[in-house]
Amino acid sequence: MPSEPSRDVDALYAVPLAAFTRRRNELAVRLGQSGRREEAAAVRRLRRPSVPVWAINTLARHEPTAVRAFADATDRLKRAQLRDRHALGEAAQAQRRALQNLMRSAEGILRAGGYSPTAQTAQRISGTLLGAATDRETRQALLRGRLTEERQAPGFEALEGAPSGRVTERRQPGIRAAEHRRSRARAAEERRAQQALEVRRQARTHADDLARKASALEEEAGARAREGAEAERAVEELRRQLGEAEARARERRAAARTAAVAAQRARRAATRLAAKLRP
């Protein structure tokens, strides 16, 4: 059974993408306040998913059966490549159908989330779906809706069940050269996409760092404001006490003057009485 932090992070990946950073910071604060500092630090390091990753995670939560069917179809295609070459065509078609179903649903998720389902975004989603379903370690993250980063689609053979080995070697030189050029072009495109992805990741990391610093500054400003308010209340209290003390001092000075006047009168009366009593 997933632990409480795991359930908290699962819920974090289910929120709208625009709310991810705020909800992540709130979760980190709650964990830190409860004394779970290591878990809080781990949550703060979580990066905001890209739009394709968010769409796939949302897809896994809204249509888990379809996502599992796609993953199973990918497994069958891999087994057919290794054990049953006659079943490759049927397995590849089943995988394509499952992927097409997911892509239609992903397009609806993007539109509902306010994102444009461009061809580039669709390519990144399909590539990540294929890469995650092919990799054993990432498959579970895909099924749970917990992907954290985009993946590259596997090679042509893994996607389409194309023959390899001796059959490929017997192809005509012109075909091999054209495929080589296409392969190089795909590799270059993948490198550019990876570089762009890295730039976006760095930008997101920088933005997250700025957001954390802004949150820390806001907390510090709030603390200083509270301290200032407390100091103002203390000053007001001291002023009140000083006013009361000054009032008491005035009363006592007035009483002292009254007592001094009374004493003078008593002294004069005593003097007059003593003069009358002299023989």
C-alpha atoms as a PDB file:
ATOM      1  CA  MET A   1       0.000   0.000   0.000  1.00  0.00           C
ATOM      2  CA  PRO A   2       1.435   3.432  -0.877  1.00  0.00           C
ATOM      3  CA  SER A   3       2.729   5.487   2.045  1.00  0.00           C
ATOM      4  CA  GLU A   4       1.166   8.811   2.969  1.00  0.00           C
ATOM      5  CA  PRO A   5       3.906  10.886   1.234  1.00  0.00           C
ATOM      6  CA  SER A   6       3.454   8.746  -1.891  1.00  0.00           C
ATOM      7  CA  ARG A   7      -0.300   9.369  -1.849  1.00  0.00           C
ATOM      8  CA  ASP A   8       0.344  13.084  -1.371  1.00  0.00           C
ATOM      9  CA  VAL A   9       2.652  13.157  -4.393  1.00  0.00           C
ATOM     10  CA  ASP A  10       0.154  11.100  -6.420  1.00  0.00           C
ATOM     11  CA  ALA A  11      -2.454  13.745  -5.665  1.00  0.00           C
ATOM     12  CA  LEU A  12       0.037  16.460  -6.619  1.00  0.00           C
ATOM     13  CA  TYR A  13       0.420  15.002 -10.113  1.00  0.00           C
ATOM     14  CA  ALA A  14      -3.374  14.999 -10.503  1.00  0.00           C
ATOM     15  CA  VAL A  15      -3.806  18.771 -10.092  1.00  0.00           C
ATOM     16  CA  PRO A  16      -4.139  21.174 -13.059  1.00  0.00           C
ATOM     17  CA  LEU A  17      -0.739  21.987 -14.494  1.00  0.00           C
ATOM     18  CA  ALA A  18      -1.000  25.706 -13.648  1.00  0.00           C
ATOM     19  CA  ALA A  19      -1.488  24.830  -9.957  1.00  0.00           C
ATOM     20  CA  PHE A  20       1.389  22.330  -9.724  1.00  0.00           C
ATOM     21  CA  THR A  21       4.084  24.653  -8.360  1.00  0.00           C
ATOM     22  CA  ARG A  22       1.805  26.243  -5.749  1.00  0.00           C
ATOM     23  CA  ARG A  23       0.455  22.871  -4.562  1.00  0.00           C
ATOM     24  CA  ARG A  24       3.967  21.390  -4.473  1.00  0.00           C
ATOM     25  CA  ASN A  25       5.221  24.254  -2.305  1.00  0.00           C
ATOM     26  CA  GLU A  26       2.199  23.927  -0.004  1.00  0.00           C
ATOM     27  CA  LEU A  27       2.846  20.186   0.385  1.00  0.00           C
ATOM     28  CA  ALA A  28       6.536  20.837   1.136  1.00  0.00           C
ATOM     29  CA  VAL A  29       5.577  23.397   3.799  1.00  0.00           C
ATOM     30  CA  ARG A  30       3.142  20.955   5.431  1.00  0.00           C
ATOM     31  CA  LEU A  31       5.748  18.202   5.511  1.00  0.00           C
ATOM     32  CA  GLY A  32       8.349  20.576   6.916  1.00  0.00           C
ATOM     33  CA  GLN A  33       6.004  21.844   9.628  1.00  0.00           C
ATOM     34  CA  SER A  34       5.314  18.241  10.686  1.00  0.00           C
ATOM     35  CA  GLY A  35       9.036  17.595  11.102  1.00  0.00           C
ATOM     36  CA  ARG A  36       9.488  15.532   7.913  1.00  0.00           C
ATOM     37  CA  ARG A  37      12.270  17.687   6.547  1.00  0.00           C
ATOM     38  CA  GLU A  38      13.832  15.130   4.187  1.00  0.00           C
ATOM     39  CA  GLU A  39      10.476  14.423   2.576  1.00  0.00           C
ATOM     40  CA  ALA A  40       9.808  18.154   2.307  1.00  0.00           C
ATOM     41  CA  ALA A  41      13.161  18.676   0.580  1.00  0.00           C
ATOM     42  CA  ALA A  42      12.402  15.829  -1.846  1.00  0.00           C
ATOM     43  CA  VAL A  43       9.022  17.384  -2.688  1.00  0.00           C
ATOM     44  CA  ARG A  44      10.626  20.797  -3.303  1.00  0.00           C
ATOM     45  CA  ARG A  45      12.925  19.155  -5.868  1.00  0.00           C
ATOM     46  CA  LEU A  46       9.968  17.885  -7.926  1.00  0.00           C
ATOM     47  CA  ARG A  47       9.845  19.637 -11.261  1.00  0.00           C
ATOM     48  CA  ARG A  48       6.717  20.914 -12.882  1.00  0.00           C
ATOM     49  CA  PRO A  49       5.776  18.437 -15.639  1.00  0.00           C
ATOM     50  CA  SER A  50       5.809  19.542 -19.254  1.00  0.00           C
ATOM     51  CA  VAL A  51       2.478  19.828 -21.065  1.00  0.00           C
ATOM     52  CA  PRO A  52       2.896  16.422 -22.826  1.00  0.00           C
ATOM     53  CA  VAL A  53       3.800  14.693 -19.539  1.00  0.00           C
ATOM     54  CA  TRP A  54       0.882  16.348 -17.749  1.00  0.00           C
ATOM     55  CA  ALA A  55      -1.485  15.244 -20.537  1.00  0.00           C
ATOM     56  CA  ILE A  56      -0.244  11.634 -20.300  1.00  0.00           C
ATOM     57  CA  ASN A  57      -0.560  11.565 -16.503  1.00  0.00           C
ATOM     58  CA  THR A  58      -4.074  12.955 -16.771  1.00  0.00           C
ATOM     59  CA  LEU A  59      -4.846  10.372 -19.453  1.00  0.00           C
ATOM     60  CA  ALA A  60      -3.627   7.560 -17.187  1.00  0.00           C
ATOM     61  CA  ARG A  61      -5.958   8.746 -14.424  1.00  0.00           C
ATOM     62  CA  HIS A  62      -8.996   9.315 -16.649  1.00  0.00           C
ATOM     63  CA  GLU A  63      -8.614   6.259 -18.887  1.00  0.00           C
ATOM     64  CA  PRO A  64      -6.482   3.691 -17.031  1.00  0.00           C
ATOM     65  CA  THR A  65      -7.956   0.771 -18.994  1.00  0.00           C
ATOM     66  CA  ALA A  66      -6.959   2.289 -22.347  1.00  0.00           C
ATOM     67  CA  VAL A  67      -3.450   3.088 -21.114  1.00  0.00           C
ATOM     68  CA  ARG A  68      -2.973  -0.459 -19.804  1.00  0.00           C
ATOM     69  CA  ALA A  69      -4.299  -1.863 -23.098  1.00  0.00           C
ATOM     70  CA  PHE A  70      -1.673   0.173 -24.950  1.00  0.00           C
ATOM     71  CA  ALA A  71       1.094  -1.018 -22.611  1.00  0.00           C
ATOM     72  CA  ASP A  72      -0.025  -4.638 -23.038  1.00  0.00           C
ATOM     73  CA  ALA A  73      -0.130  -4.223 -26.820  1.00  0.00           C
ATOM     74  CA  THR A  74       3.435  -2.915 -26.699  1.00  0.00           C
ATOM     75  CA  ASP A  75       4.508  -5.958 -24.685  1.00  0.00           C
ATOM     76  CA  ARG A  76       2.883  -8.281 -27.229  1.00  0.00           C
ATOM     77  CA  LEU A  77       4.712  -6.515 -30.049  1.00  0.00           C
ATOM     78  CA  LYS A  78       8.046  -6.930 -28.275  1.00  0.00           C
ATOM     79  CA  ARG A  79       7.386 -10.629 -27.692  1.00  0.00           C
ATOM     80  CA  ALA A  80       6.391 -11.088 -31.338  1.00  0.00           C
ATOM     81  CA  GLN A  81       9.658  -9.518 -32.466  1.00  0.00           C
ATOM     82  CA  LEU A  82      11.625 -11.993 -30.371  1.00  0.00           C
ATOM     83  CA  ARG A  83       9.562 -15.195 -30.719  1.00  0.00           C
ATOM     84  CA  ASP A  84       6.886 -15.058 -33.406  1.00  0.00           C
ATOM     85  CA  ARG A  85       7.798 -13.096 -36.518  1.00  0.00           C
ATOM     86  CA  HIS A  86       4.547 -14.180 -38.198  1.00  0.00           C
ATOM     87  CA  ALA A  87       2.493 -12.289 -35.600  1.00  0.00           C
ATOM     88  CA  LEU A  88       4.388  -9.014 -36.068  1.00  0.00           C
ATOM     89  CA  GLY A  89       1.867  -7.410 -38.409  1.00  0.00           C
ATOM     90  CA  GLU A  90      -1.125  -8.094 -36.211  1.00  0.00           C
ATOM     91  CA  ALA A  91       0.754  -7.021 -33.049  1.00  0.00           C
ATOM     92  CA  ALA A  92       1.929  -3.785 -34.693  1.00  0.00           C
ATOM     93  CA  GLN A  93      -1.604  -2.976 -35.860  1.00  0.00           C
ATOM     94  CA  ALA A  94      -2.992  -3.600 -32.356  1.00  0.00           C
ATOM     95  CA  GLN A  95      -0.400  -1.282 -30.875  1.00  0.00           C
ATOM     96  CA  ARG A  96      -1.127   1.424 -33.454  1.00  0.00           C
ATOM     97  CA  ARG A  97      -4.873   1.226 -32.762  1.00  0.00           C
ATOM     98  CA  ALA A  98      -4.292   1.487 -29.004  1.00  0.00           C
ATOM     99  CA  LEU A  99      -1.958   4.449 -29.519  1.00  0.00           C
ATOM    100  CA  GLN A 100      -4.431   6.209 -31.813  1.00  0.00           C
ATOM    101  CA  ASN A 101      -7.163   5.834 -29.185  1.00  0.00           C
ATOM    102  CA  LEU A 102      -4.905   7.409 -26.576  1.00  0.00           C
ATOM    103  CA  MET A 103      -3.891  10.246 -28.888  1.00  0.00           C
ATOM    104  CA  ARG A 104      -7.540  11.149 -29.535  1.00  0.00           C
ATOM    105  CA  SER A 105      -8.189  11.231 -25.802  1.00  0.00           C
ATOM    106  CA  ALA A 106      -5.004  13.228 -25.186  1.00  0.00           C
ATOM    107  CA  GLU A 107      -6.154  15.832 -27.708  1.00  0.00           C
ATOM    108  CA  GLY A 108      -9.381  16.286 -25.739  1.00  0.00           C
ATOM    109  CA  ILE A 109      -7.425  16.601 -22.494  1.00  0.00           C
ATOM    110  CA  LEU A 110      -5.185  19.273 -24.000  1.00  0.00           C
ATOM    111  CA  ARG A 111      -8.146  21.283 -25.267  1.00  0.00           C
ATOM    112  CA  ALA A 112      -9.971  20.984 -21.933  1.00  0.00           C
ATOM    113  CA  GLY A 113      -6.814  22.206 -20.167  1.00  0.00           C
ATOM    114  CA  GLY A 114      -6.526  25.237 -22.444  1.00  0.00           C
ATOM    115  CA  TYR A 115      -3.587  23.926 -24.497  1.00  0.00           C
ATOM    116  CA  SER A 116      -3.373  23.720 -28.270  1.00  0.00           C
ATOM    117  CA  PRO A 117      -2.906  20.147 -29.571  1.00  0.00           C
ATOM    118  CA  THR A 118      -0.203  21.024 -32.085  1.00  0.00           C
ATOM    119  CA  ALA A 119       1.592  18.450 -34.229  1.00  0.00           C
ATOM    120  CA  GLN A 120       4.774  18.930 -32.179  1.00  0.00           C
ATOM    121  CA  THR A 121       2.936  18.353 -28.905  1.00  0.00           C
ATOM    122  CA  ALA A 122       1.240  15.258 -30.353  1.00  0.00           C
ATOM    123  CA  GLN A 123       4.629  13.921 -31.454  1.00  0.00           C
ATOM    124  CA  ARG A 124       6.092  14.449 -27.989  1.00  0.00           C
ATOM    125  CA  ILE A 125       3.097  12.727 -26.381  1.00  0.00           C
ATOM    126  CA  SER A 126       3.212   9.719 -28.703  1.00  0.00           C
ATOM    127  CA  GLY A 127       6.984   9.431 -28.327  1.00  0.00           C
ATOM    128  CA  THR A 128       6.743   9.532 -24.535  1.00  0.00           C
ATOM    129  CA  LEU A 129       3.916   6.967 -24.531  1.00  0.00           C
ATOM    130  CA  LEU A 130       5.945   4.600 -26.709  1.00  0.00           C
ATOM    131  CA  GLY A 131       9.158   5.138 -24.763  1.00  0.00           C
ATOM    132  CA  ALA A 132       7.481   4.706 -21.370  1.00  0.00           C
ATOM    133  CA  ALA A 133       5.526   1.598 -22.403  1.00  0.00           C
ATOM    134  CA  THR A 134       8.663  -0.026 -23.827  1.00  0.00           C
ATOM    135  CA  ASP A 135      10.800   0.579 -20.735  1.00  0.00           C
ATOM    136  CA  ARG A 136      10.055  -1.686 -17.774  1.00  0.00           C
ATOM    137  CA  GLU A 137      11.029   0.838 -15.119  1.00  0.00           C
ATOM    138  CA  THR A 138       8.957   3.640 -16.624  1.00  0.00           C
ATOM    139  CA  ARG A 139       5.933   1.450 -17.424  1.00  0.00           C
ATOM    140  CA  GLN A 140       4.665   1.525 -13.820  1.00  0.00           C
ATOM    141  CA  ALA A 141       5.021   5.308 -13.669  1.00  0.00           C
ATOM    142  CA  LEU A 142       2.994   5.498 -16.883  1.00  0.00           C
ATOM    143  CA  LEU A 143       0.237   3.278 -15.510  1.00  0.00           C
ATOM    144  CA  ARG A 144       0.107   5.234 -12.229  1.00  0.00           C
ATOM    145  CA  GLY A 145       0.047   8.620 -13.922  1.00  0.00           C
ATOM    146  CA  ARG A 146       3.367   9.523 -12.298  1.00  0.00           C
ATOM    147  CA  LEU A 147       5.649  10.292 -15.227  1.00  0.00           C
ATOM    148  CA  THR A 148       8.063  13.117 -14.425  1.00  0.00           C
ATOM    149  CA  GLU A 149       9.763  13.698 -17.759  1.00  0.00           C
ATOM    150  CA  GLU A 150       9.355  13.081 -21.462  1.00  0.00           C
ATOM    151  CA  ARG A 151      10.755   9.987 -23.117  1.00  0.00           C
ATOM    152  CA  GLN A 152      12.145   9.260 -26.565  1.00  0.00           C
ATOM    153  CA  ALA A 153      10.292   6.780 -28.748  1.00  0.00           C
ATOM    154  CA  PRO A 154      12.210   3.527 -29.318  1.00  0.00           C
ATOM    155  CA  GLY A 155      13.680   2.671 -32.687  1.00  0.00           C
ATOM    156  CA  PHE A 156      11.751   1.830 -35.838  1.00  0.00           C
ATOM    157  CA  GLU A 157      11.859  -1.906 -35.231  1.00  0.00           C
ATOM    158  CA  ALA A 158      10.302  -1.624 -31.781  1.00  0.00           C
ATOM    159  CA  LEU A 159       7.451   0.506 -33.153  1.00  0.00           C
ATOM    160  CA  GLU A 160       6.554  -1.203 -36.396  1.00  0.00           C
ATOM    161  CA  GLY A 161       7.905  -4.710 -36.090  1.00  0.00           C
ATOM    162  CA  ALA A 162      10.173  -4.223 -39.111  1.00  0.00           C
ATOM    163  CA  PRO A 163      12.447  -7.193 -39.959  1.00  0.00           C
ATOM    164  CA  SER A 164      16.086  -6.903 -39.017  1.00  0.00           C
ATOM    165  CA  GLY A 165      19.307  -8.848 -39.561  1.00  0.00           C
ATOM    166  CA  ARG A 166      19.777 -10.630 -42.896  1.00  0.00           C
ATOM    167  CA  VAL A 167      16.565  -9.307 -44.459  1.00  0.00           C
ATOM    168  CA  THR A 168      17.668  -5.731 -43.852  1.00  0.00           C
ATOM    169  CA  GLU A 169      21.096  -6.440 -45.258  1.00  0.00           C
ATOM    170  CA  ARG A 170      19.607  -7.705 -48.559  1.00  0.00           C
ATOM    171  CA  ARG A 171      17.855  -4.388 -49.217  1.00  0.00           C
ATOM    172  CA  GLN A 172      19.032  -2.398 -52.201  1.00  0.00           C
ATOM    173  CA  PRO A 173      21.869   0.084 -51.573  1.00  0.00           C
ATOM    174  CA  GLY A 174      19.691   3.039 -52.552  1.00  0.00           C
ATOM    175  CA  ILE A 175      17.035   2.075 -50.031  1.00  0.00           C
ATOM    176  CA  ARG A 176      19.660   1.569 -47.332  1.00  0.00           C
ATOM    177  CA  ALA A 177      21.171   4.979 -48.101  1.00  0.00           C
ATOM    178  CA  ALA A 178      17.765   6.666 -47.962  1.00  0.00           C
ATOM    179  CA  GLU A 179      16.970   4.962 -44.680  1.00  0.00           C
ATOM    180  CA  HIS A 180      20.381   5.983 -43.370  1.00  0.00           C
ATOM    181  CA  ARG A 181      19.677   9.600 -44.279  1.00  0.00           C
ATOM    182  CA  ARG A 182      16.275   9.425 -42.631  1.00  0.00           C
ATOM    183  CA  SER A 183      17.847   7.844 -39.560  1.00  0.00           C
ATOM    184  CA  ARG A 184      20.435  10.607 -39.358  1.00  0.00           C
ATOM    185  CA  ALA A 185      17.724  13.226 -39.821  1.00  0.00           C
ATOM    186  CA  ARG A 186      15.649  11.627 -37.055  1.00  0.00           C
ATOM    187  CA  ALA A 187      18.685  11.489 -34.790  1.00  0.00           C
ATOM    188  CA  ALA A 188      19.441  15.152 -35.456  1.00  0.00           C
ATOM    189  CA  GLU A 189      15.813  16.064 -34.800  1.00  0.00           C
ATOM    190  CA  GLU A 190      15.856  14.057 -31.581  1.00  0.00           C
ATOM    191  CA  ARG A 191      19.041  15.844 -30.494  1.00  0.00           C
ATOM    192  CA  ARG A 192      17.444  19.224 -31.203  1.00  0.00           C
ATOM    193  CA  ALA A 193      14.313  18.172 -29.353  1.00  0.00           C
ATOM    194  CA  GLN A 194      16.422  16.949 -26.424  1.00  0.00           C
ATOM    195  CA  GLN A 195      18.356  20.218 -26.365  1.00  0.00           C
ATOM    196  CA  ALA A 196      15.124  22.199 -26.456  1.00  0.00           C
ATOM    197  CA  LEU A 197      13.741  19.985 -23.693  1.00  0.00           C
ATOM    198  CA  GLU A 198      16.851  20.601 -21.605  1.00  0.00           C
ATOM    199  CA  VAL A 199      16.501  24.352 -22.129  1.00  0.00           C
ATOM    200  CA  ARG A 200      12.881  24.150 -21.003  1.00  0.00           C
ATOM    201  CA  ARG A 201      13.868  22.064 -18.001  1.00  0.00           C
ATOM    202  CA  GLN A 202      16.520  24.594 -17.012  1.00  0.00           C
ATOM    203  CA  ALA A 203      14.012  27.411 -17.473  1.00  0.00           C
ATOM    204  CA  ARG A 204      11.468  25.563 -15.327  1.00  0.00           C
ATOM    205  CA  THR A 205      14.111  24.904 -12.684  1.00  0.00           C
ATOM    206  CA  HIS A 206      15.089  28.573 -12.687  1.00  0.00           C
ATOM    207  CA  ALA A 207      11.440  29.611 -12.493  1.00  0.00           C
ATOM    208  CA  ASP A 208      10.853  27.173  -9.624  1.00  0.00           C
ATOM    209  CA  ASP A 209      13.923  28.525  -7.808  1.00  0.00           C
ATOM    210  CA  LEU A 210      12.637  32.062  -8.245  1.00  0.00           C
ATOM    211  CA  ALA A 211       9.214  30.981  -6.987  1.00  0.00           C
ATOM    212  CA  ARG A 212      10.765  29.357  -3.909  1.00  0.00           C
ATOM    213  CA  LYS A 213      12.846  32.472  -3.234  1.00  0.00           C
ATOM    214  CA  ALA A 214       9.772  34.648  -3.679  1.00  0.00           C
ATOM    215  CA  SER A 215       7.840  32.440  -1.251  1.00  0.00           C
ATOM    216  CA  ALA A 216      10.671  32.634   1.267  1.00  0.00           C
ATOM    217  CA  LEU A 217      10.828  36.422   0.917  1.00  0.00           C
ATOM    218  CA  GLU A 218       7.054  36.649   1.313  1.00  0.00           C
ATOM    219  CA  GLU A 219       7.224  34.545   4.470  1.00  0.00           C
ATOM    220  CA  GLU A 220      10.068  36.695   5.812  1.00  0.00           C
ATOM    221  CA  ALA A 221       8.163  39.887   4.956  1.00  0.00           C
ATOM    222  CA  GLY A 222       5.106  38.514   6.740  1.00  0.00           C
ATOM    223  CA  ALA A 223       7.191  37.658   9.801  1.00  0.00           C
ATOM    224  CA  ARG A 224       8.735  41.139   9.827  1.00  0.00           C
ATOM    225  CA  ALA A 225       5.285  42.696   9.478  1.00  0.00           C
ATOM    226  CA  ARG A 226       4.029  40.654  12.423  1.00  0.00           C
ATOM    227  CA  GLU A 227       7.072  41.671  14.473  1.00  0.00           C
ATOM    228  CA  GLY A 228       6.470  45.310  13.559  1.00  0.00           C
ATOM    229  CA  ALA A 229       2.823  45.083  14.612  1.00  0.00           C
ATOM    230  CA  GLU A 230       3.827  43.496  17.919  1.00  0.00           C
ATOM    231  CA  ALA A 231       6.393  46.249  18.491  1.00  0.00           C
ATOM    232  CA  GLU A 232       3.772  48.918  17.783  1.00  0.00           C
ATOM    233  CA  ARG A 233       1.425  47.268  20.271  1.00  0.00           C
ATOM    234  CA  ALA A 234       4.236  47.170  22.847  1.00  0.00           C
ATOM    235  CA  VAL A 235       4.970  50.876  22.259  1.00  0.00           C
ATOM    236  CA  GLU A 236       1.283  51.726  22.675  1.00  0.00           C
ATOM    237  CA  GLU A 237       1.164  49.751  25.907  1.00  0.00           C
ATOM    238  CA  LEU A 238       4.258  51.549  27.210  1.00  0.00           C
ATOM    239  CA  ARG A 239       2.715  54.895  26.272  1.00  0.00           C
ATOM    240  CA  ARG A 240      -0.463  53.964  28.123  1.00  0.00           C
ATOM    241  CA  GLN A 241       1.502  52.925  31.205  1.00  0.00           C
ATOM    242  CA  LEU A 242       3.571  56.148  31.010  1.00  0.00           C
ATOM    243  CA  GLY A 243       0.375  58.243  30.801  1.00  0.00           C
ATOM    244  CA  GLU A 244      -1.050  56.473  33.836  1.00  0.00           C
ATOM    245  CA  ALA A 245       2.209  56.968  35.735  1.00  0.00           C
ATOM    246  CA  GLU A 246       2.300  60.674  34.846  1.00  0.00           C
ATOM    247  CA  ALA A 247      -1.318  61.059  35.985  1.00  0.00           C
ATOM    248  CA  ARG A 248      -0.522  59.385  39.299  1.00  0.00           C
ATOM    249  CA  ALA A 249       2.538  61.605  39.684  1.00  0.00           C
ATOM    250  CA  ARG A 250       0.427  64.745  39.107  1.00  0.00           C
ATOM    251  CA  GLU A 251      -2.120  63.540  41.660  1.00  0.00           C
ATOM    252  CA  ARG A 252       0.597  62.902  44.212  1.00  0.00           C
ATOM    253  CA  ARG A 253       2.220  66.307  43.606  1.00  0.00           C
ATOM    254  CA  ALA A 254      -1.151  67.979  44.050  1.00  0.00           C
ATOM    255  CA  ALA A 255      -1.742  66.004  47.267  1.00  0.00           C
ATOM    256  CA  ALA A 256       1.735  66.968  48.488  1.00  0.00           C
ATOM    257  CA  ARG A 257       1.033  70.681  47.859  1.00  0.00           C
ATOM    258  CA  THR A 258      -2.291  70.410  49.664  1.00  0.00           C
ATOM    259  CA  ALA A 259      -0.597  68.680  52.583  1.00  0.00           C
ATOM    260  CA  ALA A 260       2.128  71.367  52.705  1.00  0.00           C
ATOM    261  CA  VAL A 261      -0.462  74.172  52.792  1.00  0.00           C
ATOM    262  CA  ALA A 262      -2.371  72.365  55.545  1.00  0.00           C
ATOM    263  CA  ALA A 263       0.850  71.913  57.497  1.00  0.00           C
ATOM    264  CA  GLN A 264       1.671  75.632  57.222  1.00  0.00           C
ATOM    265  CA  ARG A 265      -1.800  76.566  58.425  1.00  0.00           C
ATOM    266  CA  ALA A 266      -1.524  74.166  61.352  1.00  0.00           C
ATOM    267  CA  ARG A 267       1.885  75.581  62.241  1.00  0.00           C
ATOM    268  CA  ARG A 268       0.564  79.180  62.233  1.00  0.00           C
ATOM    269  CA  ALA A 269      -2.457  78.157  64.309  1.00  0.00           C
ATOM    270  CA  ALA A 270      -0.170  76.442  66.784  1.00  0.00           C
ATOM    271  CA  THR A 271       2.000  79.537  67.002  1.00  0.00           C
ATOM    272  CA  ARG A 272      -0.983  81.792  67.671  1.00  0.00           C
ATOM    273  CA  LEU A 273      -2.318  79.419  70.305  1.00  0.00           C
ATOM    274  CA  ALA A 274       1.092  79.269  72.020  1.00  0.00           C
ATOM    275  CA  ALA A 275       1.253  83.083  72.114  1.00  0.00           C
ATOM    276  CA  LYS A 276      -2.126  83.295  73.798  1.00  0.00           C
ATOM    277  CA  LEU A 277      -1.171  80.782  76.394  1.00  0.00           C
ATOM    278  CA  ARG A 278       1.980  82.668  77.504  1.00  0.00           C
ATOM    279  CA  PRO A 279       1.618  84.381  80.978  1.00  0.00           C
END
